[in-house]
Amino acid sequence: MKRRSLITAAAGAVALGAATSPPAAAQPLGHAPTTPLSTFNVISDIQGDLGDFAVALRDIRTTAPHGSGLAVAGDITPRGYDFEYAAVRQVLDRGPRPRELAWAIGNHEFYVPKYADPQTLSLATWPNGATEDSLFRSFHRFAGRGTVYAETTFGGIPVLTIGTERYMHYHDPKLWDEVWLSEGQLRWLEGRLRHWSVRRKPVMVIAHHPLPNTVSGTRNKLYATDYLQADALLGLLGRHRDVFLFSGHTHWDLALSDWYVRRVVPGTANLDGFSVINTGAVQTGFADNGQGGESTVPGVFNQGLQVEVHRDRVVIKARDFAAGAWLKQISVPLATAI
């Protein structure tokens, strides 16, 4: 896939192959001259690290006691077993529980077929009797809905979750975790983005896999083919200036300069691009090793985001839940006030 234009928040406004157009500005931490219309949190990649998930929930309650909701951008479980979903539910039930929840599906929700039983990895006998439908049913039961893609609202702000509708290894032995989006999902996304654009509302899109050439770690071949319909998805998102795409999967540190970027999609009338934000990861000590897997990397902490939607801007704050410390923030002006 060809390199596309983007604007990195790190440099304030550095354009690659496009005119400089800085729609976002850094703000001092704690700068909040007005009361937000909605405050919510975004995390990703729990992957069985339930202790850190509990730490994150407690920290979120401290920093956003009246928060509207929590979005989880996939890899809810380590493998997708029903008992692993149940363990996540138990942590939520012990609390503090967010007011609303939005779940996206990740690649780790499809790893049951790699195991002959929960204790025995057996790739040679994949799929070990597990059906593709059973994996989706487990996610649907947990999320309380019948589709991968869905819409909810956090304090009146639309939140759209998207994700793969096929686990591709069942359909092509050369593929594994690639994201397949149906025409139905793409039409639904197009319609919801248009609906909220007319109503002048910013839209929060939650996806597990990052789009290529966006946030930290995505400018390499490992993520170039994550989405089988990357161009179609980019074409939809790229039309709307006030779209915010939150993606996980990489486990890359939120302290990096390109944790937030503006992605400009050539061929669209929106020359300011749309916002893309790395969620960080709850699961600690792991990051992409550049070889299609994960390896232990020191210094990667239990991290996530707090999002404040104001009438004229969206403020996104990166948080280290374990340290109870803010890392940085970005203030993104909206094209039109809410």
Protein backbone atom coordinates (compact mmCIF):
# COMPACT_ATOMS: atom_id res chain seq x y z
CA MET A 1 0.00 0.00 0.00
CA LYS A 2 1.31 3.41 -0.91
CA ARG A 3 2.37 5.82 1.80
CA ARG A 4 -0.44 8.31 2.50
CA SER A 5 -0.38 11.85 3.86
CA LEU A 6 -0.80 12.42 7.57
CA ILE A 7 -0.24 15.13 10.13
CA THR A 8 1.46 14.17 13.37
CA ALA A 9 0.55 15.79 16.63
CA ALA A 10 4.13 15.47 17.76
CA ALA A 11 5.33 18.28 15.57
CA GLY A 12 2.20 20.37 16.03
CA ALA A 13 1.54 20.13 12.29
CA VAL A 14 3.97 18.28 10.06
CA ALA A 15 2.43 17.24 6.75
CA LEU A 16 3.81 14.43 4.62
CA GLY A 17 2.83 14.92 1.00
CA ALA A 18 0.05 17.40 1.87
CA ALA A 19 -0.34 21.06 2.73
CA THR A 20 0.23 21.96 6.38
CA SER A 21 -3.14 22.14 8.09
CA PRO A 22 -2.94 22.01 11.89
CA PRO A 23 -6.39 21.28 13.36
CA ALA A 24 -5.03 20.18 16.75
CA ALA A 25 -3.04 21.96 19.43
CA ALA A 26 -1.24 20.78 22.53
CA GLN A 27 -2.65 22.07 25.80
CA PRO A 28 -1.17 22.06 29.32
CA LEU A 29 -2.36 19.12 31.37
CA GLY A 30 -5.33 20.02 33.49
CA HIS A 31 -6.46 22.82 31.13
CA ALA A 32 -10.27 22.63 31.25
CA PRO A 33 -11.89 26.06 31.12
CA THR A 34 -15.35 24.61 30.48
CA THR A 35 -17.27 21.61 31.75
CA PRO A 36 -17.23 18.76 29.20
CA LEU A 37 -20.51 17.63 27.66
CA SER A 38 -19.27 14.06 28.00
CA THR A 39 -16.26 12.36 29.55
CA PHE A 40 -15.44 8.73 28.78
CA ASN A 41 -12.50 6.34 28.63
CA VAL A 42 -10.99 4.07 26.01
CA ILE A 43 -8.77 1.07 26.72
CA SER A 44 -7.64 -2.00 24.77
CA ASP A 45 -5.88 -5.35 24.99
CA ILE A 46 -6.87 -6.71 28.39
CA GLN A 47 -5.82 -10.19 27.20
CA GLY A 48 -6.31 -11.89 30.54
CA ASP A 49 -4.44 -9.30 32.59
CA LEU A 50 -7.36 -8.95 34.99
CA GLY A 51 -5.29 -7.42 37.77
CA ASP A 52 -4.28 -4.49 35.59
CA PHE A 53 -7.85 -4.27 34.28
CA ALA A 54 -9.07 -3.84 37.86
CA VAL A 55 -6.39 -1.19 38.47
CA ALA A 56 -7.55 0.66 35.35
CA LEU A 57 -11.20 0.58 36.46
CA ARG A 58 -10.32 2.01 39.87
CA ASP A 59 -8.16 4.73 38.37
CA ILE A 60 -10.89 5.64 35.89
CA ARG A 61 -13.38 6.03 38.72
CA THR A 62 -10.92 8.37 40.46
CA THR A 63 -10.22 10.59 37.44
CA ALA A 64 -13.71 10.44 35.87
CA PRO A 65 -16.19 9.72 38.70
CA HIS A 66 -19.09 10.87 36.55
CA GLY A 67 -17.84 9.36 33.31
CA SER A 68 -20.34 8.43 30.62
CA GLY A 69 -18.79 5.11 29.62
CA LEU A 70 -15.86 2.88 28.75
CA ALA A 71 -14.97 1.61 25.27
CA VAL A 72 -12.73 -1.46 24.97
CA ALA A 73 -10.99 -1.72 21.60
CA GLY A 74 -10.67 -5.48 21.37
CA ASP A 75 -8.51 -8.30 22.72
CA ILE A 76 -10.89 -8.53 25.66
CA THR A 77 -9.70 -12.07 26.36
CA PRO A 78 -6.45 -13.95 25.77
CA ARG A 79 -8.08 -16.61 23.56
CA GLY A 80 -11.86 -16.24 23.40
CA TYR A 81 -12.97 -19.00 25.76
CA ASP A 82 -16.31 -18.45 27.45
CA PHE A 83 -14.69 -18.78 30.88
CA GLU A 84 -12.25 -15.99 29.94
CA TYR A 85 -15.15 -13.69 29.04
CA ALA A 86 -16.76 -14.66 32.35
CA ALA A 87 -13.60 -13.67 34.23
CA VAL A 88 -13.72 -10.20 32.64
CA ARG A 89 -17.37 -9.94 33.64
CA GLN A 90 -16.47 -10.83 37.23
CA VAL A 91 -13.96 -7.96 37.42
CA LEU A 92 -16.63 -5.60 36.11
CA ASP A 93 -19.16 -6.90 38.61
CA ARG A 94 -16.73 -6.29 41.49
CA GLY A 95 -16.50 -2.75 40.23
CA PRO A 96 -16.22 0.09 39.95
CA ARG A 97 -18.35 -0.54 36.87
CA PRO A 98 -18.56 2.10 34.10
CA ARG A 99 -21.99 3.56 33.37
CA GLU A 100 -22.01 2.29 29.75
CA LEU A 101 -19.77 -0.17 27.90
CA ALA A 102 -18.84 -0.49 24.21
CA TRP A 103 -16.96 -3.64 23.15
CA ALA A 104 -14.99 -4.11 19.93
CA ILE A 105 -13.76 -7.53 18.83
CA GLY A 106 -10.04 -8.26 18.53
CA ASN A 107 -7.89 -11.02 17.05
CA HIS A 108 -7.35 -12.70 20.44
CA GLU A 109 -11.08 -13.46 20.56
CA PHE A 110 -10.38 -16.06 17.83
CA TYR A 111 -7.56 -18.10 19.40
CA VAL A 112 -9.58 -20.99 20.86
CA PRO A 113 -8.99 -23.07 17.68
CA LYS A 114 -5.25 -23.04 18.39
CA TYR A 115 -5.80 -25.16 21.51
CA ALA A 116 -6.75 -28.82 21.86
CA ASP A 117 -7.91 -27.82 25.35
CA PRO A 118 -7.32 -24.68 27.46
CA GLN A 119 -3.95 -26.05 28.66
CA THR A 120 -2.70 -27.52 25.38
CA LEU A 121 -1.53 -25.43 22.42
CA SER A 122 -1.94 -27.53 19.27
CA LEU A 123 -1.49 -25.56 16.06
CA ALA A 124 -0.87 -28.76 14.09
CA THR A 125 -4.48 -29.83 14.69
CA TRP A 126 -6.10 -26.41 14.12
CA PRO A 127 -9.07 -25.74 14.48
CA ASN A 128 -9.34 -28.49 17.11
CA GLY A 129 -13.10 -28.84 16.63
CA ALA A 130 -13.84 -25.13 17.16
CA THR A 131 -16.16 -23.56 14.59
CA GLU A 132 -16.01 -19.99 13.39
CA ASP A 133 -19.63 -19.44 14.39
CA SER A 134 -18.93 -20.52 17.97
CA LEU A 135 -16.26 -17.82 18.34
CA PHE A 136 -18.63 -15.11 17.21
CA ARG A 137 -21.43 -16.46 19.43
CA SER A 138 -19.15 -16.20 22.46
CA PHE A 139 -18.40 -12.57 21.69
CA HIS A 140 -22.05 -11.76 20.96
CA ARG A 141 -23.21 -13.29 24.25
CA PHE A 142 -20.61 -11.32 26.18
CA ALA A 143 -21.25 -8.01 24.38
CA GLY A 144 -25.03 -8.47 24.55
CA ARG A 145 -25.70 -8.00 20.86
CA GLY A 146 -25.99 -9.98 17.65
CA THR A 147 -23.48 -8.19 15.42
CA VAL A 148 -19.80 -7.26 15.54
CA TYR A 149 -20.57 -3.64 14.65
CA ALA A 150 -22.82 -1.53 16.83
CA GLU A 151 -23.65 1.99 17.96
CA THR A 152 -24.10 3.38 21.44
CA THR A 153 -23.78 6.83 22.98
CA PHE A 154 -21.68 8.13 25.83
CA GLY A 155 -23.38 11.21 27.22
CA GLY A 156 -25.03 11.88 23.86
CA ILE A 157 -21.80 11.38 21.88
CA PRO A 158 -22.04 8.59 19.25
CA VAL A 159 -19.68 5.64 19.67
CA LEU A 160 -19.39 3.14 16.80
CA THR A 161 -17.62 -0.19 17.26
CA ILE A 162 -16.40 -2.00 14.14
CA GLY A 163 -14.49 -5.21 13.53
CA THR A 164 -13.92 -8.33 11.48
CA GLU A 165 -16.88 -10.49 10.51
CA ARG A 166 -14.74 -13.45 9.49
CA TYR A 167 -11.77 -15.16 11.05
CA MET A 168 -9.88 -15.45 7.82
CA HIS A 169 -7.92 -18.65 8.47
CA TYR A 170 -11.20 -20.52 8.15
CA HIS A 171 -11.56 -19.10 4.64
CA ASP A 172 -7.96 -18.94 3.36
CA PRO A 173 -5.10 -21.01 4.83
CA LYS A 174 -2.63 -18.24 3.94
CA LEU A 175 -4.42 -15.71 6.17
CA TRP A 176 -4.85 -15.43 9.95
CA ASP A 177 -5.82 -12.23 11.78
CA GLU A 178 -6.72 -10.02 8.81
CA VAL A 179 -9.87 -7.92 9.20
CA TRP A 180 -12.74 -8.61 6.81
CA LEU A 181 -15.55 -6.04 6.69
CA SER A 182 -18.78 -6.93 4.90
CA GLU A 183 -20.49 -4.58 2.48
CA GLY A 184 -23.27 -4.40 5.05
CA GLN A 185 -20.92 -3.14 7.75
CA LEU A 186 -19.34 -0.60 5.41
CA ARG A 187 -22.75 0.70 4.31
CA TRP A 188 -23.86 0.89 7.94
CA LEU A 189 -20.71 2.85 8.87
CA GLU A 190 -21.17 5.20 5.92
CA GLY A 191 -24.77 5.86 6.92
CA ARG A 192 -24.02 6.48 10.60
CA LEU A 193 -21.13 8.84 9.80
CA ARG A 194 -23.37 10.80 7.44
CA HIS A 195 -26.21 10.82 10.00
CA TRP A 196 -24.06 12.33 12.75
CA SER A 197 -22.23 14.70 10.42
CA VAL A 198 -25.54 16.31 9.47
CA ARG A 199 -26.25 16.70 13.18
CA ARG A 200 -22.80 18.24 13.77
CA LYS A 201 -21.72 15.62 16.28
CA PRO A 202 -18.17 14.25 16.53
CA VAL A 203 -18.13 10.48 16.06
CA MET A 204 -15.97 8.08 18.07
CA VAL A 205 -15.04 4.93 16.12
CA ILE A 206 -13.59 2.04 18.10
CA ALA A 207 -11.57 -0.64 16.25
CA HIS A 208 -9.01 -3.13 17.43
CA HIS A 209 -6.65 -3.11 14.46
CA PRO A 210 -4.90 0.12 13.44
CA LEU A 211 -4.98 1.47 9.92
CA PRO A 212 -1.62 1.56 8.11
CA ASN A 213 0.52 4.70 8.26
CA THR A 214 -1.28 6.20 11.22
CA VAL A 215 -0.27 5.89 14.87
CA SER A 216 2.84 4.43 16.52
CA GLY A 217 4.17 1.25 14.95
CA THR A 218 1.94 1.26 11.87
CA ARG A 219 4.48 2.42 9.30
CA ASN A 220 5.80 -1.04 8.63
CA LYS A 221 4.70 -4.05 6.59
CA LEU A 222 3.28 -5.81 9.63
CA TYR A 223 0.18 -3.60 9.56
CA ALA A 224 0.00 -2.88 5.83
CA THR A 225 -2.49 -5.70 5.23
CA ASP A 226 -4.40 -5.88 8.53
CA TYR A 227 -7.54 -4.62 6.78
CA LEU A 228 -8.55 -6.45 3.63
CA GLN A 229 -10.69 -3.41 2.74
CA ALA A 230 -8.34 -0.72 4.07
CA ASP A 231 -8.92 1.65 1.16
CA ALA A 232 -12.71 1.41 1.49
CA LEU A 233 -12.56 2.08 5.24
CA LEU A 234 -10.14 4.98 4.81
CA GLY A 235 -12.37 6.43 2.10
CA LEU A 236 -15.33 6.49 4.48
CA LEU A 237 -13.50 7.88 7.51
CA GLY A 238 -11.47 10.35 5.48
CA ARG A 239 -14.54 12.32 4.39
CA HIS A 240 -15.27 13.50 7.93
CA ARG A 241 -13.10 15.97 9.83
CA ASP A 242 -14.74 15.28 13.20
CA VAL A 243 -14.23 11.51 13.21
CA PHE A 244 -11.98 10.06 15.91
CA LEU A 245 -10.66 6.53 15.31
CA PHE A 246 -9.31 4.73 18.39
CA SER A 247 -7.24 1.60 17.67
CA GLY A 248 -5.26 -0.82 19.84
CA HIS A 249 -3.45 -4.06 18.94
CA THR A 250 0.13 -2.78 18.82
CA HIS A 251 0.75 -2.32 22.59
CA TRP A 252 2.96 0.64 21.73
CA ASP A 253 3.68 3.14 24.48
CA LEU A 254 1.49 6.26 24.66
CA ALA A 255 4.60 8.27 25.54
CA LEU A 256 5.62 8.12 21.87
CA SER A 257 5.17 11.27 19.81
CA ASP A 258 2.85 9.72 17.22
CA TRP A 259 0.27 8.42 19.68
CA TYR A 260 -2.12 10.88 17.94
CA VAL A 261 -2.13 11.79 14.24
CA ARG A 262 -4.35 13.37 11.59
CA ARG A 263 -4.81 11.01 8.65
CA VAL A 264 -5.43 12.75 5.33
CA VAL A 265 -6.98 10.50 2.68
CA PRO A 266 -6.17 11.53 -0.91
CA GLY A 267 -9.21 11.87 -3.12
CA THR A 268 -11.47 13.19 -0.38
CA ALA A 269 -12.54 16.82 -0.01
CA ASN A 270 -11.47 16.81 3.65
CA LEU A 271 -7.91 18.16 3.51
CA ASP A 272 -7.67 18.36 7.32
CA GLY A 273 -7.99 14.59 7.67
CA PHE A 274 -9.50 12.78 10.62
CA SER A 275 -8.11 11.97 14.07
CA VAL A 276 -6.46 8.62 14.83
CA ILE A 277 -5.43 7.73 18.38
CA ASN A 278 -3.46 4.83 19.83
CA THR A 279 -5.27 3.39 22.85
CA GLY A 280 -2.21 1.93 24.54
CA ALA A 281 -2.74 -1.43 26.26
CA VAL A 282 -3.90 -2.77 29.60
CA GLN A 283 -1.84 -5.94 29.19
CA THR A 284 1.62 -5.00 30.42
CA GLY A 285 5.04 -6.10 29.28
CA PHE A 286 4.11 -6.98 25.71
CA ALA A 287 4.52 -5.22 22.40
CA ASP A 288 4.69 -6.18 18.77
CA ASN A 289 8.05 -7.75 17.98
CA GLY A 290 7.94 -6.88 14.28
CA GLN A 291 7.75 -10.54 13.30
CA GLY A 292 4.00 -10.97 13.47
CA GLY A 293 3.97 -11.88 17.14
CA GLU A 294 4.45 -10.36 20.56
CA SER A 295 7.49 -10.23 22.82
CA THR A 296 8.26 -8.91 26.27
CA VAL A 297 9.37 -5.28 26.17
CA PRO A 298 10.37 -3.51 29.40
CA GLY A 299 8.74 -0.21 30.20
CA VAL A 300 5.34 -0.73 28.59
CA PHE A 301 2.78 0.14 31.23
CA ASN A 302 -0.93 -0.24 31.91
CA GLN A 303 -2.20 2.64 29.78
CA GLY A 304 -5.37 4.08 28.29
CA LEU A 305 -7.21 7.24 27.38
CA GLN A 306 -9.67 9.73 28.84
CA VAL A 307 -11.74 11.69 26.35
CA GLU A 308 -13.54 14.95 27.12
CA VAL A 309 -16.00 16.27 24.54
CA HIS A 310 -16.62 20.01 24.77
CA ARG A 311 -18.89 22.14 22.59
CA ASP A 312 -16.00 23.32 20.43
CA ARG A 313 -13.27 20.68 20.84
CA VAL A 314 -12.33 17.18 21.97
CA VAL A 315 -9.58 16.80 24.57
CA ILE A 316 -7.81 13.42 24.65
CA LYS A 317 -5.59 12.57 27.60
CA ALA A 318 -3.13 9.67 27.79
CA ARG A 319 -3.07 8.01 31.20
CA ASP A 320 -0.72 5.62 33.00
CA PHE A 321 -3.18 3.73 35.19
CA ALA A 322 -0.51 1.92 37.21
CA ALA A 323 1.35 5.11 38.11
CA GLY A 324 -1.84 7.17 38.43
CA ALA A 325 -0.26 9.81 36.21
CA TRP A 326 -1.17 11.80 33.11
CA LEU A 327 1.28 11.39 30.25
CA LYS A 328 0.11 14.05 27.76
CA GLN A 329 -2.95 15.46 26.07
CA ILE A 330 -4.13 16.94 22.80
CA SER A 331 -6.98 19.39 22.19
CA VAL A 332 -8.67 18.96 18.82
CA PRO A 333 -10.95 21.79 17.66
CA LEU A 334 -14.25 20.70 16.10
CA ALA A 335 -15.21 21.94 12.64
CA THR A 336 -18.52 23.18 14.03
CA ALA A 337 -19.56 23.66 17.64
CA ILE A 338 -22.00 21.13 19.06
